[in-house]
Protein backbone atom coordinates (compact mmCIF):
# COMPACT_ATOMS: atom_id res chain seq x y z
CA MET A 1 49.42 78.70 1.86
CA ALA A 2 49.42 75.51 3.29
CA LEU A 3 48.34 74.67 7.07
CA LYS A 4 49.31 71.01 8.07
CA ILE A 5 46.10 69.71 9.89
CA ALA A 6 46.48 66.35 11.38
CA GLY A 7 49.22 65.70 9.60
CA ARG A 8 47.97 66.50 6.07
CA LEU A 9 48.90 68.99 3.87
CA PHE A 10 45.44 71.78 3.17
CA THR A 11 45.43 74.36 0.29
CA GLY A 12 44.65 77.66 0.88
CA PRO A 13 42.37 80.30 2.04
CA PHE A 14 39.87 80.42 0.02
CA ASP A 15 37.11 83.06 0.27
CA PRO A 16 33.78 80.61 1.55
CA ALA A 17 32.09 83.82 -0.16
CA THR A 18 33.32 82.71 -3.85
CA PHE A 19 34.57 79.54 -3.50
CA VAL A 20 33.45 76.69 -5.06
CA VAL A 21 34.83 73.04 -5.73
CA ARG A 22 32.74 71.46 -8.63
CA GLY A 23 31.75 68.65 -9.63
CA ASN A 24 33.93 67.82 -12.31
CA GLN A 25 36.88 68.86 -9.67
CA GLU A 26 38.50 65.48 -7.58
CA ALA A 27 36.12 65.95 -4.25
CA VAL A 28 37.79 67.54 -0.96
CA VAL A 29 37.95 67.23 2.40
CA TYR A 30 37.78 71.00 4.01
CA ALA A 31 38.63 72.98 7.06
CA VAL A 32 36.38 76.01 8.13
CA VAL A 33 39.46 77.98 9.73
CA ALA A 34 39.77 81.31 11.67
CA LYS A 35 43.55 82.99 12.08
CA GLY A 36 44.00 85.06 14.56
CA GLY A 37 47.21 86.39 16.61
CA GLU A 38 49.77 88.70 14.58
CA ALA A 39 51.09 88.44 11.21
CA TRP A 40 54.52 87.74 12.85
CA ASP A 41 52.48 84.65 15.34
CA PRO A 42 49.06 83.61 13.43
CA HIS A 43 47.46 81.17 15.47
CA PHE A 44 44.39 79.01 13.83
CA ARG A 45 41.46 77.60 14.84
CA LEU A 46 39.85 74.78 13.19
CA ILE A 47 36.46 75.55 13.39
CA ALA A 48 33.94 73.14 11.74
CA VAL A 49 35.61 70.21 9.66
CA GLY A 50 33.71 68.42 6.06
CA ALA A 51 33.97 66.99 3.47
CA GLY A 52 32.39 66.81 -0.45
CA GLU A 53 31.16 64.16 -2.07
CA ASP A 54 31.98 62.68 -5.60
CA GLY A 55 30.67 64.88 -8.87
CA VAL A 56 27.99 66.91 -6.33
CA THR A 57 29.11 71.15 -6.72
CA LEU A 58 29.94 72.19 -3.48
CA THR A 59 29.86 76.05 -2.85
CA PHE A 60 30.26 77.40 0.56
CA ALA A 61 28.37 80.74 -0.05
CA ASP A 62 25.33 78.38 -0.32
CA LEU A 63 26.18 76.20 2.43
CA PRO A 64 23.63 77.48 6.00
CA GLU A 65 26.14 76.67 8.59
CA LEU A 66 28.22 79.50 7.05
CA ALA A 67 26.77 82.14 8.76
CA SER A 68 27.18 79.12 12.71
CA TRP A 69 30.99 78.90 11.54
CA GLN A 70 31.10 83.06 11.25
CA THR A 71 29.24 83.40 13.85
CA LEU A 72 31.49 80.67 16.16
CA ALA A 73 34.64 82.16 14.80
CA ALA A 74 33.80 85.59 15.93
CA MET A 75 35.56 86.88 12.83
CA PRO A 76 35.91 86.00 9.35
CA VAL A 77 36.49 82.30 8.41
CA SER A 78 38.34 80.81 6.10
CA ILE A 79 38.73 77.15 3.82
CA TYR A 80 41.45 75.15 2.97
CA ILE A 81 40.65 71.76 1.15
CA HIS A 82 42.65 68.86 1.17
CA ALA A 83 41.96 66.25 -2.29
CA LEU A 84 40.77 63.93 -1.60
CA GLY A 85 38.75 61.64 -4.51
CA ALA A 86 38.14 59.19 -6.57
CA ARG A 87 41.44 59.75 -8.54
CA ALA A 88 43.62 59.72 -5.51
CA GLY A 89 41.66 56.07 -5.00
CA ALA A 90 39.49 57.65 -2.61
CA GLY A 91 35.45 57.76 -1.42
CA PRO A 92 33.27 58.67 0.35
CA ALA A 93 34.71 56.49 3.36
CA GLU A 94 38.23 57.24 3.86
CA ARG A 95 36.56 61.18 3.62
CA ALA A 96 34.85 60.46 6.56
CA ALA A 97 37.57 59.04 7.99
CA LEU A 98 39.13 61.25 7.49
CA VAL A 99 37.40 64.16 8.88
CA GLU A 100 36.86 61.68 11.95
CA ALA A 101 40.30 61.77 12.45
CA ILE A 102 40.84 65.47 12.44
CA VAL A 103 38.08 65.98 14.98
CA ALA A 104 39.84 63.52 17.53
CA ALA A 105 43.04 65.45 17.24
CA VAL A 106 41.44 69.08 16.82
CA ALA A 107 38.40 69.32 18.32
CA PRO A 108 36.54 71.69 16.50
CA PRO A 109 35.06 74.82 16.80
CA ASP A 110 37.91 76.09 19.07
CA GLY A 111 40.58 73.77 18.00
CA ILE A 112 44.03 75.34 18.27
CA ILE A 113 45.59 73.84 15.19
CA PRO A 114 49.76 73.51 15.77
CA PRO A 115 52.18 74.94 14.19
């Protein structure tokens, strides 16, 4: 399933307990999302957003923020990713700019992602 956040298509949901973006994969911007509501009328809240680094493995289960994300959400969270690495011609500055744009548009930790 995909989720559009601030005009960008994110792929997911992935379980943070098992999801890894390996260092040999393209770097990503990630969104930590809580899904609520009914199956026929889901609501998505942006809990956090961040970016990986080129050549660095990102293991979500090892991130110290994971517990606080789940506490903020008051429910299980999922990870959604948008690839934005060197292969796409993007570097750290582009990833940081996208993170800032998402924060401005959706305002975590309780920003509602519009349908």
